[in-house]
Structure formats: structure tokens, C-alpha cells
Amino acid sequence: MKQQKLAVVGMVCPFPLIEAKQAIETLDSGDELVIDFDCTQATEAIPRWAAEAGHTVTNFEQIDDASWTITVQKK
């Protein structure tokens, strides 16, 4: 299993989600995409997209007041 980092801190929504959708396309099944972001809307949008697409969220934590990290495992 590989992990790929996607740092989209500073990007406004919906760009973190758009970047994540593009990045996960390059991964193999079972690989993980680690997304670091600071757009509040993405805290709902990214997990919702992952669930709808059939991917698994393996980690989701708040790093500080206004930034998060989420790990999505490709289905």
C-alpha cells in the first residue's frame, strides 16, 4: 500500500475536493491519499464524496483551529 500526500492548505472550496478527485484517480486500489486542508466546507464535502464514491476514510483529524487531515483509501 502506498500513501500519497495532497496539501491543499490555503485553497478555498471546492478546490480541495476537485484536487482530491483528480489525485485519487492516479492511485491504485487500496492506496491512500492523505489530504491536508483548511477549508471548513471540505470537512463535510470530502468524507461525503469518499462515501459516495465507495472509498474508505481511514483517518480524519483536526490538526489545529482551522486545519484538518483526512486519509482516503481508494476502493
Protein backbone atom coordinates (compact mmCIF):
# COMPACT_ATOMS: atom_id res chain seq x y z
CA MET A 1 0.00 0.00 0.00
CA LYS A 2 1.28 3.43 -0.92
CA GLN A 3 0.37 6.78 0.56
CA GLN A 4 0.29 9.98 -1.43
CA LYS A 5 0.20 13.41 0.20
CA LEU A 6 -2.09 16.13 -1.11
CA ALA A 7 -1.50 19.50 0.53
CA VAL A 8 -4.31 21.89 -0.33
CA VAL A 9 -3.99 24.22 2.66
CA GLY A 10 -4.87 27.75 1.57
CA MET A 11 -7.21 26.59 -1.20
CA VAL A 12 -10.83 27.67 -0.98
CA CYS A 13 -13.65 25.21 -1.58
CA PRO A 14 -14.43 23.45 -3.81
CA PHE A 15 -10.80 23.21 -4.95
CA PRO A 16 -9.56 20.79 -2.22
CA LEU A 17 -12.26 18.34 -3.31
CA ILE A 18 -11.53 18.83 -7.02
CA GLU A 19 -7.80 18.23 -6.37
CA ALA A 20 -8.60 15.14 -4.28
CA LYS A 21 -10.81 13.69 -7.02
CA GLN A 22 -8.04 14.16 -9.57
CA ALA A 23 -5.30 12.83 -7.27
CA ILE A 24 -7.15 9.63 -6.31
CA GLU A 25 -7.56 8.76 -10.00
CA THR A 26 -3.78 8.28 -10.18
CA LEU A 27 -3.72 5.81 -7.28
CA ASP A 28 -4.10 2.04 -7.32
CA SER A 29 -6.90 0.32 -5.41
CA GLY A 30 -6.01 0.12 -1.72
CA ASP A 31 -3.61 3.05 -1.84
CA GLU A 32 -4.25 6.03 0.41
CA LEU A 33 -4.50 9.73 -0.29
CA VAL A 34 -3.59 11.93 2.70
CA ILE A 35 -5.25 15.32 2.27
CA ASP A 36 -4.21 18.29 4.39
CA PHE A 37 -6.67 21.17 4.10
CA ASP A 38 -8.06 24.24 5.88
CA CYS A 39 -11.36 24.81 4.11
CA THR A 40 -14.19 24.23 6.58
CA GLN A 41 -16.67 23.07 3.92
CA ALA A 42 -14.28 20.28 2.91
CA THR A 43 -14.70 18.68 6.35
CA GLU A 44 -18.14 17.62 5.08
CA ALA A 45 -17.57 17.58 1.33
CA ILE A 46 -14.55 15.25 1.28
CA PRO A 47 -16.00 12.50 3.53
CA ARG A 48 -19.31 12.70 1.63
CA TRP A 49 -17.54 12.34 -1.72
CA ALA A 50 -15.47 9.43 -0.40
CA ALA A 51 -18.58 7.62 0.83
CA GLU A 52 -20.48 8.22 -2.41
CA ALA A 53 -17.50 7.05 -4.49
CA GLY A 54 -17.06 3.93 -2.35
CA HIS A 55 -13.70 4.95 -0.88
CA THR A 56 -12.90 4.46 2.82
CA VAL A 57 -11.89 7.24 5.21
CA THR A 58 -9.19 5.66 7.39
CA ASN A 59 -8.18 8.78 9.33
CA PHE A 60 -9.78 12.17 9.92
CA GLU A 61 -8.41 14.58 12.49
CA GLN A 62 -8.25 18.24 13.25
CA ILE A 63 -4.66 19.50 13.32
CA ASP A 64 -5.38 22.92 14.79
CA ASP A 65 -8.14 25.54 14.95
CA ALA A 66 -8.57 25.74 11.20
CA SER A 67 -6.87 22.81 9.52
CA TRP A 68 -7.53 19.11 9.15
CA THR A 69 -6.05 15.99 7.71
CA ILE A 70 -8.09 13.21 6.15
CA THR A 71 -6.89 9.93 4.71
CA VAL A 72 -8.96 8.32 1.97
CA GLN A 73 -8.26 4.75 0.88
CA LYS A 74 -9.12 4.13 -2.75
CA LYS A 75 -11.69 1.40 -3.28
